[in-house]
Amino acid sequence: MTTVAVIAVRNRFAIGITGPMDVLQKASRLAGDAQPSDRPPRALEVHLLAADRAPVTYPNGVTIVPSATIDEALRPDVIVVPQLDDDDLGRSLDENRAYVPWLRAGYAQGACLASFCTGAFLVAETGLLAHQRATTHWQFAEEFRRRYPLVRLESDRLIVDAGNIITSGAATSFLDLAIYLLDRYCGHETAVRAAKMFLVDTGRTSQLPYTVLNIQPQHRDEPIARAQQLILEGYAGKLGVEDLAHRAGLSVRQFGRRFHQATGDTPSTYIQRVRIEAAKRLLEGTPRPVAEVMTLVGYEDERAFRRLFRRHAGLSPTAYRRRYASRTPGGRA
């Protein structure tokens, strides 16, 4: 029997607590049903732990009552860390800081730490992710890198397994994380049965198809912010790094260094991202052929465009349109 503790972090979303517990408990029963009676059960015992036993009420009216506190004797094999509030991560980290030494101690005793969404921030606060691979919600990758520069963040990945620390992407990736944990602790057959039960596409490995470029500068470097605005206004034309640097009042070397410090991208990569984001919007909302979309966003070589689109979006242009294009009431794209 594998003991799993879901910690009742303080946030605004009950689903981050109840969702993983419901999936893991239901899947654990599936595991028991699927195993022959002459074999020892490979099931999960799921507990809800909190800093204290006080009931937690969420804005949607749901109230949950922890089954134990982190100070009690339970030594879980797996600790699931849900997402934090994304409207103020700093405040949310402070409100949940009591879990940090407990997570560190649990890891030292052999527990696997498994987070989803911005729960990776709380795991990173332990220092255990330094020089380790990890992922988090794609929207908060830039802030994560600023706070934890020693972590090797792979924000395009849906799940990153660094041994006894597993991190996963945006909020509903708790479904993918649950299936992953089931595969590890209850066996592949149970994981497959659970994936079918909950309609989880186990083929997903990347967050790229879901990402949206944040066009609002998250920094205070005014020349770089102006350059970003120039890119947004002129992405369909000929954009040269030298011209952007000149208009920012910087040398090419200074411009490249400061642009990367401010945005996390080189200027050329940022231009690609803006163009691909514009292509995504056209593929979602218009019936224009891929070749025309390519031209409208500033590319001339269709092979190069398709390669870049797949690199930044995780899908081919045609597959992206098939998944996200607007549909008529009759269901046709």
Protein backbone atom coordinates (compact mmCIF):
# COMPACT_ATOMS: atom_id res chain seq x y z
CA MET A 1 0.00 0.00 0.00
CA THR A 2 1.36 3.40 -1.05
CA THR A 3 0.46 6.30 1.23
CA VAL A 4 -0.30 9.56 -0.58
CA ALA A 5 -0.70 12.89 1.20
CA VAL A 6 -2.39 15.78 -0.60
CA ILE A 7 -1.60 18.97 1.28
CA ALA A 8 -4.40 21.49 1.73
CA VAL A 9 -2.53 24.58 0.60
CA ARG A 10 -4.44 27.82 1.02
CA ASN A 11 -5.69 28.98 -2.36
CA ARG A 12 -8.91 29.96 -4.11
CA PHE A 13 -9.61 26.71 -5.94
CA ALA A 14 -11.07 23.65 -4.23
CA ILE A 15 -10.51 21.55 -7.36
CA GLY A 16 -6.78 21.68 -6.75
CA ILE A 17 -7.37 19.76 -3.52
CA THR A 18 -10.45 17.66 -4.21
CA GLY A 19 -9.57 16.86 -7.83
CA PRO A 20 -6.34 14.89 -7.20
CA MET A 21 -7.88 13.17 -4.16
CA ASP A 22 -10.97 12.04 -6.06
CA VAL A 23 -8.99 10.78 -9.05
CA LEU A 24 -6.42 8.92 -6.95
CA GLN A 25 -9.02 7.36 -4.64
CA LYS A 26 -11.23 6.24 -7.51
CA ALA A 27 -8.24 4.86 -9.42
CA SER A 28 -7.07 3.04 -6.31
CA ARG A 29 -10.37 1.14 -6.24
CA LEU A 30 -9.87 0.34 -9.91
CA ALA A 31 -6.47 -1.10 -9.01
CA GLY A 32 -7.99 -3.36 -6.36
CA ASP A 33 -10.70 -4.59 -8.74
CA ALA A 34 -8.18 -5.36 -11.48
CA GLN A 35 -5.75 -7.41 -9.40
CA PRO A 36 -6.12 -11.15 -8.78
CA SER A 37 -7.00 -12.01 -5.18
CA ASP A 38 -3.79 -14.03 -4.73
CA ARG A 39 -1.60 -10.95 -5.27
CA PRO A 40 -0.83 -8.26 -2.70
CA PRO A 41 -2.80 -5.10 -3.49
CA ARG A 42 -1.01 -2.28 -5.31
CA ALA A 43 -3.32 0.45 -4.18
CA LEU A 44 -3.11 3.97 -2.80
CA GLU A 45 -4.16 5.21 0.63
CA VAL A 46 -4.94 8.90 0.17
CA HIS A 47 -4.93 11.43 3.03
CA LEU A 48 -5.59 15.15 3.19
CA LEU A 49 -3.04 16.92 5.37
CA ALA A 50 -2.87 20.53 6.48
CA ALA A 51 -0.89 22.76 8.82
CA ASP A 52 -3.75 22.44 11.32
CA ARG A 53 -7.12 20.69 11.58
CA ALA A 54 -9.21 23.79 10.97
CA PRO A 55 -11.74 23.32 8.12
CA VAL A 56 -10.84 25.17 4.93
CA THR A 57 -13.69 26.93 3.09
CA TYR A 58 -13.23 28.02 -0.52
CA PRO A 59 -14.95 30.91 -2.36
CA ASN A 60 -17.23 28.46 -4.20
CA GLY A 61 -18.67 27.30 -0.85
CA VAL A 62 -16.82 23.98 -0.65
CA THR A 63 -15.42 23.18 2.79
CA ILE A 64 -12.83 20.48 3.35
CA VAL A 65 -11.64 19.04 6.65
CA PRO A 66 -8.06 17.69 6.84
CA SER A 67 -7.72 14.11 8.06
CA ALA A 68 -4.43 14.87 9.84
CA THR A 69 -1.86 17.60 10.31
CA ILE A 70 1.68 17.68 9.01
CA ASP A 71 2.92 17.42 12.62
CA GLU A 72 1.32 14.03 13.18
CA ALA A 73 3.11 10.74 12.73
CA LEU A 74 2.04 9.95 9.16
CA ARG A 75 5.04 9.37 6.85
CA PRO A 76 3.66 9.47 3.28
CA ASP A 77 5.35 7.81 0.33
CA VAL A 78 4.08 10.55 -1.99
CA ILE A 79 3.27 14.19 -1.18
CA VAL A 80 1.08 16.00 -3.72
CA VAL A 81 1.51 19.80 -3.78
CA PRO A 82 -1.43 21.60 -5.46
CA GLN A 83 -1.33 24.97 -7.19
CA LEU A 84 -0.99 28.24 -5.30
CA ASP A 85 -3.00 31.41 -5.92
CA ASP A 86 -1.80 32.87 -9.18
CA ASP A 87 -3.05 36.40 -8.57
CA ASP A 88 -0.39 36.99 -5.90
CA LEU A 89 2.19 34.24 -5.75
CA GLY A 90 4.34 36.07 -3.20
CA ARG A 91 1.46 36.30 -0.74
CA SER A 92 0.41 32.72 -1.42
CA LEU A 93 3.95 31.47 -0.76
CA ASP A 94 3.98 33.32 2.56
CA GLU A 95 0.61 31.85 3.56
CA ASN A 96 1.84 28.31 2.83
CA ARG A 97 5.41 28.61 4.09
CA ALA A 98 4.73 26.24 7.00
CA TYR A 99 4.83 23.37 4.52
CA VAL A 100 8.38 24.12 3.32
CA PRO A 101 10.40 22.47 6.15
CA TRP A 102 7.92 19.59 6.24
CA LEU A 103 8.35 18.98 2.50
CA ARG A 104 12.11 19.07 2.93
CA ALA A 105 11.95 16.59 5.82
CA GLY A 106 9.57 14.29 3.93
CA TYR A 107 11.91 14.23 0.95
CA ALA A 108 14.84 13.38 3.23
CA GLN A 109 12.81 10.44 4.56
CA GLY A 110 12.28 9.12 1.04
CA ALA A 111 8.94 10.67 0.04
CA CYS A 112 8.32 11.59 -3.58
CA LEU A 113 7.26 15.22 -3.99
CA ALA A 114 4.74 15.67 -6.82
CA SER A 115 3.47 19.16 -7.70
CA PHE A 116 1.22 20.56 -10.38
CA CYS A 117 0.80 24.06 -11.72
CA THR A 118 2.28 26.74 -9.43
CA GLY A 119 2.77 24.17 -6.68
CA ALA A 120 6.28 23.94 -8.14
CA PHE A 121 6.98 27.34 -6.55
CA LEU A 122 6.40 25.85 -3.10
CA VAL A 123 8.62 22.88 -3.89
CA ALA A 124 11.31 25.24 -5.19
CA GLU A 125 11.19 27.13 -1.87
CA THR A 126 12.68 24.02 -0.22
CA GLY A 127 15.86 24.39 -2.27
CA LEU A 128 15.51 20.79 -3.45
CA LEU A 129 15.02 21.82 -7.08
CA ALA A 130 18.35 23.64 -7.36
CA HIS A 131 20.19 22.29 -10.44
CA GLN A 132 17.24 19.94 -11.08
CA ARG A 133 14.84 19.81 -14.03
CA ALA A 134 11.28 21.02 -13.40
CA THR A 135 8.18 22.50 -15.02
CA THR A 136 5.26 24.67 -13.94
CA HIS A 137 2.32 26.51 -15.49
CA TRP A 138 3.65 28.02 -18.74
CA GLN A 139 2.17 31.42 -17.87
CA PHE A 140 4.39 31.74 -14.78
CA ALA A 141 7.62 30.43 -16.28
CA GLU A 142 9.21 33.88 -16.44
CA GLU A 143 8.49 34.59 -12.77
CA PHE A 144 9.68 31.12 -11.79
CA ARG A 145 13.01 31.69 -13.54
CA ARG A 146 13.42 35.04 -11.78
CA ARG A 147 12.77 33.55 -8.36
CA TYR A 148 14.70 30.29 -8.83
CA PRO A 149 17.49 30.84 -11.36
CA LEU A 150 19.28 27.62 -10.34
CA VAL A 151 16.36 25.42 -11.43
CA ARG A 152 16.53 24.03 -14.97
CA LEU A 153 12.98 24.97 -15.93
CA GLU A 154 11.48 23.16 -18.94
CA SER A 155 8.29 25.16 -19.24
CA ASP A 156 7.27 23.48 -22.49
CA ARG A 157 7.02 20.07 -20.79
CA LEU A 158 3.77 18.77 -19.31
CA ILE A 159 5.49 16.49 -16.76
CA VAL A 160 9.12 16.47 -15.65
CA ASP A 161 10.32 13.52 -13.57
CA ALA A 162 13.53 14.30 -11.69
CA GLY A 163 13.51 11.08 -9.68
CA ASN A 164 11.80 11.73 -6.37
CA ILE A 165 10.52 15.14 -7.44
CA ILE A 166 7.85 15.25 -10.16
CA THR A 167 6.45 18.54 -11.44
CA SER A 168 3.66 19.09 -13.94
CA GLY A 169 2.11 21.96 -15.89
CA ALA A 170 -1.06 24.01 -15.65
CA ALA A 171 -3.87 23.46 -13.14
CA THR A 172 -5.78 20.56 -14.73
CA SER A 173 -2.52 18.71 -15.31
CA PHE A 174 -3.32 17.09 -11.96
CA LEU A 175 -5.15 14.54 -14.13
CA ASP A 176 -1.98 13.75 -16.07
CA LEU A 177 0.04 13.72 -12.84
CA ALA A 178 -2.41 11.31 -11.20
CA ILE A 179 -2.16 8.90 -14.13
CA TYR A 180 1.64 9.19 -14.01
CA LEU A 181 1.68 8.36 -10.28
CA LEU A 182 -0.68 5.44 -10.83
CA ASP A 183 1.64 4.04 -13.48
CA ARG A 184 4.57 4.30 -11.07
CA TYR A 185 2.92 2.92 -7.93
CA CYS A 186 0.01 0.78 -9.12
CA GLY A 187 1.18 -0.48 -12.49
CA HIS A 188 0.58 0.37 -16.12
CA GLU A 189 -2.70 -1.56 -16.39
CA THR A 190 -4.27 0.45 -13.60
CA ALA A 191 -3.01 3.71 -15.14
CA VAL A 192 -4.55 2.81 -18.51
CA ARG A 193 -7.87 1.87 -16.92
CA ALA A 194 -7.95 5.14 -14.99
CA ALA A 195 -7.04 7.18 -18.07
CA LYS A 196 -9.96 5.62 -19.92
CA MET A 197 -12.29 6.18 -16.98
CA PHE A 198 -11.43 9.89 -16.69
CA LEU A 199 -10.93 10.53 -20.45
CA VAL A 200 -7.30 11.57 -20.00
CA ASP A 201 -5.23 11.70 -23.18
CA THR A 202 -2.02 10.02 -22.05
CA GLY A 203 -0.27 11.02 -25.27
CA ARG A 204 0.15 14.63 -24.11
CA THR A 205 3.73 15.52 -23.27
CA SER A 206 3.94 19.25 -24.01
CA GLN A 207 2.29 22.49 -22.88
CA LEU A 208 3.27 24.26 -26.08
CA PRO A 209 -0.13 23.91 -27.84
CA TYR A 210 -1.74 25.74 -24.93
CA THR A 211 0.69 28.61 -24.48
CA VAL A 212 -0.19 32.23 -25.20
CA LEU A 213 2.51 34.86 -25.65
CA ASN A 214 2.42 37.42 -22.84
CA ILE A 215 2.74 40.68 -24.74
CA GLN A 216 2.75 42.87 -21.63
CA PRO A 217 6.35 43.58 -20.55
CA GLN A 218 7.09 42.13 -17.11
CA HIS A 219 10.15 44.30 -16.60
CA ARG A 220 11.15 47.96 -16.25
CA ASP A 221 13.70 48.28 -19.03
CA GLU A 222 12.07 51.03 -21.09
CA PRO A 223 14.25 50.74 -24.25
CA ILE A 224 13.53 47.01 -24.41
CA ALA A 225 9.81 47.59 -23.82
CA ARG A 226 9.82 50.02 -26.75
CA ALA A 227 11.57 47.43 -28.92
CA GLN A 228 8.94 44.85 -27.96
CA GLN A 229 6.22 47.27 -29.02
CA LEU A 230 7.97 47.85 -32.35
CA ILE A 231 8.06 44.09 -32.89
CA LEU A 232 4.36 43.76 -32.09
CA GLU A 233 3.51 46.55 -34.53
CA GLY A 234 5.81 45.44 -37.35
CA TYR A 235 6.23 41.66 -37.08
CA ALA A 236 4.86 41.11 -40.61
CA GLY A 237 7.61 43.21 -42.21
CA LYS A 238 11.37 43.04 -42.36
CA LEU A 239 12.64 43.30 -38.78
CA GLY A 240 16.38 43.61 -38.26
CA VAL A 241 18.06 43.32 -34.87
CA GLU A 242 20.46 46.11 -35.85
CA ASP A 243 17.57 48.49 -36.58
CA LEU A 244 15.80 47.57 -33.33
CA ALA A 245 19.02 48.16 -31.38
CA HIS A 246 19.51 51.53 -33.08
CA ARG A 247 15.94 52.61 -32.29
CA ALA A 248 16.44 51.51 -28.69
CA GLY A 249 19.58 53.67 -28.50
CA LEU A 250 21.85 50.71 -27.79
CA SER A 251 24.66 48.85 -29.49
CA VAL A 252 23.73 45.48 -30.96
CA ARG A 253 25.64 43.68 -28.20
CA GLN A 254 24.05 45.76 -25.42
CA PHE A 255 20.63 45.33 -26.99
CA GLY A 256 20.94 41.55 -27.25
CA ARG A 257 22.14 41.22 -23.66
CA ARG A 258 19.49 43.48 -22.16
CA PHE A 259 16.71 42.01 -24.31
CA HIS A 260 17.55 38.52 -23.07
CA GLN A 261 17.75 39.67 -19.45
CA ALA A 262 14.35 41.37 -19.71
CA THR A 263 12.39 38.79 -21.70
CA GLY A 264 14.26 35.49 -21.43
CA ASP A 265 14.50 35.38 -25.24
CA THR A 266 16.97 36.60 -27.83
CA PRO A 267 15.51 39.30 -30.10
CA SER A 268 15.28 36.88 -33.04
CA THR A 269 13.50 34.24 -30.95
CA TYR A 270 11.07 36.84 -29.63
CA ILE A 271 10.26 37.93 -33.19
CA GLN A 272 9.59 34.29 -34.08
CA ARG A 273 7.30 33.90 -31.07
CA VAL A 274 5.30 37.02 -31.95
CA ARG A 275 4.90 35.87 -35.55
CA ILE A 276 3.87 32.35 -34.56
CA GLU A 277 1.39 33.77 -32.04
CA ALA A 278 -0.15 35.86 -34.82
CA ALA A 279 -0.29 32.76 -37.04
CA LYS A 280 -2.07 30.84 -34.27
CA ARG A 281 -4.75 33.53 -34.04
CA LEU A 282 -5.28 33.44 -37.83
CA LEU A 283 -5.51 29.65 -37.85
CA GLU A 284 -8.01 29.75 -34.99
CA GLY A 285 -10.26 32.43 -36.39
CA THR A 286 -10.02 32.43 -40.19
CA PRO A 287 -10.23 29.86 -43.01
CA ARG A 288 -7.13 31.28 -44.76
CA PRO A 289 -4.80 28.63 -46.24
CA VAL A 290 -1.60 27.92 -44.31
CA ALA A 291 0.52 29.43 -47.10
CA GLU A 292 -1.42 32.70 -46.86
CA VAL A 293 -1.16 32.75 -43.07
CA MET A 294 2.60 32.26 -43.44
CA THR A 295 2.87 35.31 -45.71
CA LEU A 296 0.69 37.49 -43.50
CA VAL A 297 2.94 36.95 -40.48
CA GLY A 298 6.16 37.67 -42.32
CA TYR A 299 7.52 34.36 -43.67
CA GLU A 300 8.24 33.34 -47.25
CA ASP A 301 9.64 29.81 -46.93
CA GLU A 302 6.77 27.43 -46.15
CA ARG A 303 9.06 24.61 -44.99
CA ALA A 304 10.85 26.94 -42.55
CA PHE A 305 7.51 28.33 -41.35
CA ARG A 306 6.10 24.87 -40.64
CA ARG A 307 9.27 23.90 -38.79
CA LEU A 308 9.19 27.03 -36.64
CA PHE A 309 5.47 26.69 -35.98
CA ARG A 310 5.91 23.15 -34.69
CA ARG A 311 8.85 24.23 -32.52
CA HIS A 312 6.88 27.03 -30.85
CA ALA A 313 3.36 25.55 -30.86
CA GLY A 314 4.07 21.84 -30.46
CA LEU A 315 1.83 20.98 -33.42
CA SER A 316 1.86 21.44 -37.16
CA PRO A 317 -0.25 24.38 -38.47
CA THR A 318 -2.85 21.96 -39.81
CA ALA A 319 -3.07 20.01 -36.54
CA TYR A 320 -3.27 23.24 -34.58
CA ARG A 321 -6.17 24.48 -36.72
CA ARG A 322 -7.93 21.14 -36.38
CA ARG A 323 -7.75 21.38 -32.58
CA TYR A 324 -8.48 25.07 -32.00
CA ALA A 325 -10.33 26.51 -35.01
CA SER A 326 -13.69 28.14 -34.25
CA ARG A 327 -16.62 25.93 -35.14
CA THR A 328 -20.15 26.52 -36.38
CA PRO A 329 -23.13 25.24 -34.33
CA GLY A 330 -23.27 22.29 -36.68
CA GLY A 331 -19.82 21.23 -35.61
CA ARG A 332 -17.95 21.96 -38.84
CA ALA A 333 -14.75 23.97 -38.74
